[in-house]
Amino acid sequence: MKRMILRRIALFFAALLFISAIVFLALRVLPGDVAQVMAGLNAPAGKVEQLRRDLGLNKPLLMQYLEWIFGVFRGDFGVSMLTGRSVTSTIAMRASITFPLIFLGLLIALAIGIPLGCLQVLYSGKSLQGFLRFCAITGGSIPALWGGMLLIMIFGKGIGLVGIFPTQGFPTDGWCDFASAFSSLILPALTVGIIVGSGFMRYTAASLEQISNSDIALQSLACGMTKKQMIWRVGLRLALPQLVSVIGLTFAHMIMGVMVIENLFSLPGMGMGLVRDVGLRDLISVQGNLFMLSALFLLVGFAIDVLHRLLDSRLSQDSSGE
């Protein structure tokens, strides 16, 4: 197991270096000149060239990449070409909005998907099962933009039928004003949680239905368990490794999905900031944001791989035998 973890850590850093090079080179082949944009379209050529030297854009690409990647490993993502602010502090400020939104949405999705998926199997063959299947299919097919607008029209403060939650922006004091910050994330998190929870409900129901038709379920019932006890004590535990994999993949997908939600609710998170930086061709900010998102993708994959082996004893035995 230790050898497997060490190999995964080595692969993690190797993949991170590879992705950083891809991100760096991909942004450099985009059309347009950042120095020309910053100096102005009618700026003299001498001023543009001087600005290009100040930004280090006249250096070879390899030198630019090495300076940037060594700075990244020191925790310095550089300085924004347009605003002059530290990219590290900007990413930290945006992440303080995006990551709580993702985790809150994931908690709502788990609270919806797993219990309702268990109920769907528990009431197999009854009308409640059909209703829950209909809800799962309907919830999963709703576009995030339309679902968010629907929640705004129902719960939006000042414009909704039941005006409870704010619909635009984030407090300027950030999480220092915890109540306002938390309430501004409720509707976005509900939008994400309902859609993702519908997928969790289908995956949970499918896994438990397969287990309930296996010999393990028959042995549990023969030992005196009720169907409810078999599903909650045996079925859910056996389905956990598969559910953990689905949750990990969904979590990675949610990182990109919240971009639409942040723009809809005007949340200054990583998604909304990335769209803005790309439009302004702020290369340093864009590559810093993309690097952090890529690192998070890889980190989630690493954590899910380790958890999957810890939960599935067969994989742990295979790892120890290598």
Protein backbone atom coordinates (compact mmCIF):
# COMPACT_ATOMS: atom_id res chain seq x y z
CA MET A 1 0.00 0.00 0.00
CA LYS A 2 2.82 2.40 0.86
CA ARG A 3 4.56 1.63 -2.42
CA MET A 4 1.34 2.32 -4.32
CA ILE A 5 0.90 5.69 -2.55
CA LEU A 6 4.51 6.66 -3.31
CA ARG A 7 4.02 5.75 -6.98
CA ARG A 8 0.79 7.77 -7.13
CA ILE A 9 2.56 10.77 -5.57
CA ALA A 10 5.35 10.55 -8.15
CA LEU A 11 2.79 10.30 -10.96
CA PHE A 12 0.89 13.24 -9.47
CA PHE A 13 3.91 15.56 -9.67
CA ALA A 14 4.89 14.26 -13.11
CA ALA A 15 1.38 14.89 -14.43
CA LEU A 16 1.36 18.31 -12.77
CA LEU A 17 4.58 19.31 -14.54
CA PHE A 18 3.24 18.04 -17.87
CA ILE A 19 -0.05 19.92 -17.49
CA SER A 20 1.77 23.10 -16.46
CA ALA A 21 3.83 22.96 -19.66
CA ILE A 22 0.71 22.38 -21.76
CA VAL A 23 -1.10 25.31 -20.11
CA PHE A 24 1.91 27.60 -20.52
CA LEU A 25 2.43 26.78 -24.21
CA ALA A 26 -1.27 26.79 -25.11
CA LEU A 27 -1.69 30.35 -23.82
CA ARG A 28 1.37 31.55 -25.71
CA VAL A 29 0.02 30.45 -29.12
CA LEU A 30 -3.18 32.47 -28.75
CA PRO A 31 -3.47 35.35 -31.23
CA GLY A 32 -2.86 38.90 -30.03
CA ASP A 33 -0.15 40.77 -28.16
CA VAL A 34 -0.60 41.42 -24.45
CA ALA A 35 1.90 44.28 -24.51
CA GLN A 36 0.02 45.92 -27.37
CA VAL A 37 -3.28 45.58 -25.48
CA MET A 38 -1.82 47.09 -22.31
CA ALA A 39 -0.04 49.95 -24.11
CA GLY A 40 -3.03 50.74 -26.33
CA LEU A 41 -3.74 50.00 -29.96
CA ASN A 42 -2.31 53.36 -31.09
CA ALA A 43 0.79 53.23 -28.87
CA PRO A 44 4.18 53.73 -30.59
CA ALA A 45 6.24 50.65 -31.31
CA GLY A 46 9.00 51.73 -28.92
CA LYS A 47 6.61 51.87 -25.97
CA VAL A 48 5.20 48.44 -26.82
CA GLU A 49 8.69 46.96 -27.06
CA GLN A 50 9.71 48.51 -23.72
CA LEU A 51 6.58 47.07 -22.06
CA ARG A 52 7.35 43.68 -23.58
CA ARG A 53 10.82 43.77 -22.01
CA ASP A 54 9.39 44.85 -18.65
CA LEU A 55 6.97 41.90 -18.68
CA GLY A 56 9.68 39.45 -19.76
CA LEU A 57 7.83 38.55 -22.95
CA ASN A 58 10.98 39.02 -25.04
CA LYS A 59 12.75 36.12 -23.28
CA PRO A 60 12.79 32.59 -24.77
CA LEU A 61 9.72 30.51 -23.92
CA LEU A 62 11.80 27.98 -21.98
CA MET A 63 13.22 30.72 -19.77
CA GLN A 64 9.75 32.19 -19.20
CA TYR A 65 8.37 28.77 -18.28
CA LEU A 66 11.20 27.92 -15.87
CA GLU A 67 10.89 31.26 -14.08
CA TRP A 68 7.13 30.78 -13.76
CA ILE A 69 7.14 27.14 -12.62
CA PHE A 70 9.89 27.71 -10.01
CA GLY A 71 7.85 30.60 -8.69
CA VAL A 72 4.75 28.40 -8.54
CA PHE A 73 6.51 25.82 -6.36
CA ARG A 74 7.50 28.67 -4.05
CA GLY A 75 3.87 29.75 -3.86
CA ASP A 76 4.37 32.76 -6.15
CA PHE A 77 2.12 32.70 -9.22
CA GLY A 78 3.41 36.04 -10.44
CA VAL A 79 1.78 39.43 -10.85
CA SER A 80 -1.21 40.21 -13.03
CA MET A 81 -0.17 41.90 -16.28
CA LEU A 82 -3.16 44.24 -16.23
CA THR A 83 -3.91 45.01 -12.57
CA GLY A 84 -0.46 44.62 -11.00
CA ARG A 85 -1.96 42.57 -8.15
CA SER A 86 -0.48 39.33 -6.88
CA VAL A 87 -2.03 36.38 -8.70
CA THR A 88 -1.62 34.24 -5.57
CA SER A 89 -3.82 36.55 -3.48
CA THR A 90 -6.35 36.83 -6.31
CA ILE A 91 -6.62 33.04 -6.64
CA ALA A 92 -6.94 32.68 -2.86
CA MET A 93 -9.77 35.24 -2.78
CA ARG A 94 -11.61 33.54 -5.65
CA ALA A 95 -11.05 30.05 -4.20
CA SER A 96 -12.62 31.17 -0.91
CA ILE A 97 -15.87 31.49 -2.86
CA THR A 98 -15.63 28.65 -5.38
CA PHE A 99 -14.52 25.83 -3.07
CA PRO A 100 -17.15 26.46 -0.36
CA LEU A 101 -19.75 26.58 -3.13
CA ILE A 102 -18.59 23.21 -4.48
CA PHE A 103 -18.45 21.55 -1.05
CA LEU A 104 -21.85 22.93 -0.03
CA GLY A 105 -23.36 21.76 -3.32
CA LEU A 106 -21.77 18.33 -2.84
CA LEU A 107 -23.20 18.00 0.67
CA ILE A 108 -26.67 18.88 -0.63
CA ALA A 109 -26.26 16.37 -3.46
CA LEU A 110 -25.25 13.60 -1.04
CA ALA A 111 -28.13 14.45 1.30
CA ILE A 112 -30.52 14.13 -1.64
CA GLY A 113 -29.03 11.32 -3.70
CA ILE A 114 -28.03 8.58 -1.25
CA PRO A 115 -31.14 8.47 1.00
CA LEU A 116 -33.56 8.76 -1.93
CA GLY A 117 -31.59 6.15 -3.89
CA CYS A 118 -31.95 3.76 -0.94
CA LEU A 119 -35.68 4.48 -0.71
CA GLN A 120 -36.03 3.78 -4.42
CA VAL A 121 -34.71 0.23 -3.90
CA LEU A 122 -36.51 -0.26 -0.59
CA TYR A 123 -39.89 0.44 -2.20
CA SER A 124 -39.17 -1.56 -5.35
CA GLY A 125 -42.30 -2.33 -7.33
CA LYS A 126 -44.38 0.38 -5.63
CA SER A 127 -45.62 3.73 -6.87
CA LEU A 128 -43.03 5.60 -4.77
CA GLN A 129 -40.24 3.98 -6.77
CA GLY A 130 -41.71 5.28 -10.02
CA PHE A 131 -42.08 8.77 -8.55
CA LEU A 132 -38.47 8.82 -7.34
CA ARG A 133 -37.23 7.62 -10.72
CA PHE A 134 -39.19 10.40 -12.38
CA CYS A 135 -37.66 12.96 -10.00
CA ALA A 136 -34.14 11.62 -10.62
CA ILE A 137 -34.52 11.79 -14.42
CA THR A 138 -36.17 15.21 -14.32
CA GLY A 139 -33.64 16.71 -11.91
CA GLY A 140 -30.69 15.38 -13.84
CA SER A 141 -31.97 16.72 -17.17
CA ILE A 142 -32.45 20.32 -15.98
CA PRO A 143 -29.76 22.67 -17.35
CA ALA A 144 -27.88 24.48 -14.58
CA LEU A 145 -28.69 27.90 -16.02
CA TRP A 146 -32.43 27.20 -16.22
CA GLY A 147 -32.49 25.56 -12.80
CA GLY A 148 -30.73 28.54 -11.23
CA MET A 149 -33.14 30.99 -12.83
CA LEU A 150 -36.08 28.93 -11.58
CA LEU A 151 -34.77 29.02 -8.01
CA ILE A 152 -34.23 32.78 -8.31
CA MET A 153 -37.84 33.28 -9.41
CA ILE A 154 -39.05 31.23 -6.44
CA PHE A 155 -36.68 32.13 -3.58
CA GLY A 156 -34.87 35.26 -4.80
CA LYS A 157 -35.01 38.18 -2.39
CA GLY A 158 -36.96 41.06 -3.94
CA ILE A 159 -37.99 39.23 -7.11
CA GLY A 160 -39.06 35.71 -6.08
CA LEU A 161 -42.40 34.39 -4.96
CA VAL A 162 -40.85 33.63 -1.56
CA GLY A 163 -38.10 36.22 -1.23
CA ILE A 164 -35.65 34.64 1.22
CA PHE A 165 -32.14 34.42 -0.21
CA PRO A 166 -29.94 36.95 -2.06
CA THR A 167 -29.39 36.26 -5.73
CA GLN A 168 -26.49 38.49 -6.80
CA GLY A 169 -22.98 39.12 -5.57
CA PHE A 170 -20.90 38.26 -2.53
CA PRO A 171 -20.21 40.40 0.57
CA THR A 172 -17.23 42.75 0.22
CA ASP A 173 -16.06 41.64 3.68
CA GLY A 174 -16.02 38.03 2.51
CA TRP A 175 -16.35 35.39 5.18
CA CYS A 176 -15.87 37.96 7.93
CA ASP A 177 -19.59 38.54 7.45
CA PHE A 178 -20.37 34.83 7.74
CA ALA A 179 -24.18 35.05 7.69
CA SER A 180 -24.31 37.15 4.52
CA ALA A 181 -21.60 35.08 2.81
CA PHE A 182 -23.31 31.79 3.62
CA SER A 183 -26.75 33.01 2.53
CA SER A 184 -25.35 34.23 -0.80
CA LEU A 185 -24.17 30.67 -1.57
CA ILE A 186 -27.41 28.88 -0.67
CA LEU A 187 -29.23 29.28 -4.00
CA PRO A 188 -26.13 28.53 -6.13
CA ALA A 189 -25.39 25.46 -3.98
CA LEU A 190 -29.01 24.29 -4.25
CA THR A 191 -28.81 24.63 -8.03
CA VAL A 192 -25.70 22.45 -8.15
CA GLY A 193 -26.88 20.06 -5.43
CA ILE A 194 -30.25 19.23 -6.93
CA ILE A 195 -28.81 18.47 -10.37
CA VAL A 196 -25.84 16.46 -9.07
CA GLY A 197 -27.98 14.77 -6.39
CA SER A 198 -30.26 13.41 -9.09
CA GLY A 199 -27.27 11.65 -10.62
CA PHE A 200 -26.23 10.28 -7.23
CA MET A 201 -29.76 8.96 -6.75
CA ARG A 202 -29.59 6.98 -9.99
CA TYR A 203 -26.11 5.59 -9.27
CA THR A 204 -27.08 4.61 -5.71
CA ALA A 205 -30.27 2.91 -6.81
CA ALA A 206 -28.52 1.02 -9.62
CA SER A 207 -25.75 -0.24 -7.30
CA LEU A 208 -28.16 -1.29 -4.55
CA GLU A 209 -30.50 -3.03 -6.99
CA GLN A 210 -27.61 -5.12 -8.26
CA ILE A 211 -26.55 -6.01 -4.72
CA SER A 212 -30.12 -6.76 -3.57
CA ASN A 213 -30.39 -9.39 -6.33
CA SER A 214 -27.12 -11.10 -5.34
CA ASP A 215 -26.46 -14.05 -3.06
CA ILE A 216 -25.11 -11.71 -0.38
CA ALA A 217 -28.55 -10.14 -0.02
CA LEU A 218 -30.18 -13.57 0.24
CA GLN A 219 -27.70 -14.61 2.94
CA SER A 220 -28.38 -11.40 4.88
CA LEU A 221 -32.14 -11.99 4.72
CA ALA A 222 -31.64 -15.60 5.75
CA CYS A 223 -29.75 -14.40 8.84
CA GLY A 224 -32.86 -12.55 9.99
CA MET A 225 -32.30 -9.09 8.57
CA THR A 226 -35.20 -7.15 7.15
CA LYS A 227 -34.92 -5.70 3.66
CA LYS A 228 -34.38 -2.25 5.14
CA GLN A 229 -31.55 -3.49 7.36
CA MET A 230 -29.99 -5.37 4.45
CA ILE A 231 -29.97 -2.23 2.26
CA TRP A 232 -28.63 0.15 4.91
CA ARG A 233 -26.15 -2.17 6.68
CA VAL A 234 -24.95 -4.46 3.90
CA GLY A 235 -25.91 -3.05 0.53
CA LEU A 236 -24.78 0.51 1.12
CA ARG A 237 -21.45 -0.66 2.58
CA LEU A 238 -20.77 -2.90 -0.42
CA ALA A 239 -21.77 -0.14 -2.86
CA LEU A 240 -19.55 2.43 -1.12
CA PRO A 241 -16.36 1.89 -3.23
CA GLN A 242 -18.31 2.43 -6.45
CA LEU A 243 -20.13 5.44 -4.99
CA VAL A 244 -16.83 6.98 -3.86
CA SER A 245 -15.52 6.76 -7.44
CA VAL A 246 -18.69 8.38 -8.79
CA ILE A 247 -18.54 11.12 -6.15
CA GLY A 248 -14.90 11.85 -7.01
CA LEU A 249 -15.57 12.11 -10.74
CA THR A 250 -18.63 14.26 -10.08
CA PHE A 251 -16.66 16.53 -7.76
CA ALA A 252 -14.09 17.13 -10.51
CA HIS A 253 -16.90 17.83 -12.98
CA MET A 254 -18.52 20.28 -10.54
CA ILE A 255 -15.38 22.43 -10.55
CA MET A 256 -16.05 23.33 -14.18
CA GLY A 257 -19.83 23.32 -13.81
CA VAL A 258 -19.83 26.10 -11.22
CA MET A 259 -18.53 28.54 -13.86
CA VAL A 260 -22.06 28.89 -15.22
CA ILE A 261 -23.50 29.20 -11.72
CA GLU A 262 -20.99 31.88 -10.68
CA ASN A 263 -21.78 33.99 -13.71
CA LEU A 264 -25.52 33.60 -13.16
CA PHE A 265 -25.34 34.66 -9.49
CA SER A 266 -22.49 37.19 -10.03
CA LEU A 267 -20.15 35.40 -7.62
CA PRO A 268 -16.53 36.57 -8.05
CA GLY A 269 -15.11 33.05 -7.88
CA MET A 270 -12.56 31.18 -9.98
CA GLY A 271 -14.97 30.46 -12.82
CA MET A 272 -16.14 34.02 -13.29
CA GLY A 273 -12.59 35.34 -12.80
CA LEU A 274 -11.17 32.91 -15.35
CA VAL A 275 -13.67 34.02 -18.00
CA ARG A 276 -12.78 37.65 -17.29
CA ASP A 277 -9.02 37.03 -17.43
CA VAL A 278 -9.29 35.16 -20.73
CA GLY A 279 -11.27 38.03 -22.23
CA LEU A 280 -8.61 40.54 -21.10
CA ARG A 281 -5.73 38.24 -22.15
CA ASP A 282 -4.14 38.39 -18.71
CA LEU A 283 -1.86 35.41 -19.35
CA ILE A 284 -0.27 35.25 -15.90
CA SER A 285 -3.66 35.18 -14.13
CA VAL A 286 -5.13 32.67 -16.61
CA GLN A 287 -2.25 30.21 -16.33
CA GLY A 288 -2.30 30.51 -12.53
CA ASN A 289 -6.02 29.73 -12.39
CA LEU A 290 -5.72 26.84 -14.85
CA PHE A 291 -2.76 25.41 -12.95
CA MET A 292 -4.69 25.46 -9.66
CA LEU A 293 -7.75 23.85 -11.25
CA SER A 294 -5.58 21.16 -12.87
CA ALA A 295 -3.83 20.50 -9.56
CA LEU A 296 -7.20 20.13 -7.86
CA PHE A 297 -8.37 17.65 -10.54
CA LEU A 298 -5.25 15.54 -10.02
CA LEU A 299 -5.50 15.79 -6.23
CA VAL A 300 -9.12 14.59 -6.26
CA GLY A 301 -8.14 11.68 -8.51
CA PHE A 302 -5.27 10.75 -6.19
CA ALA A 303 -7.52 10.87 -3.10
CA ILE A 304 -10.23 8.78 -4.75
CA ASP A 305 -7.69 6.17 -5.88
CA VAL A 306 -6.34 5.79 -2.33
CA LEU A 307 -9.82 5.74 -0.75
CA HIS A 308 -11.00 3.15 -3.26
CA ARG A 309 -8.17 0.81 -2.31
CA LEU A 310 -8.78 1.34 1.40
CA LEU A 311 -12.49 0.53 1.03
CA ASP A 312 -12.00 -2.46 -1.29
CA SER A 313 -9.85 -5.09 0.44
CA ARG A 314 -9.23 -6.91 -2.84
CA LEU A 315 -7.41 -3.90 -4.26
CA SER A 316 -5.42 -3.50 -1.04
CA GLN A 317 -4.28 -7.13 -1.28
CA ASP A 318 -3.27 -6.63 -4.90
CA SER A 319 -1.24 -3.56 -3.91
CA SER A 320 0.53 -5.38 -1.08
CA GLY A 321 1.33 -8.28 -3.38
CA GLU A 322 3.05 -6.11 -5.96
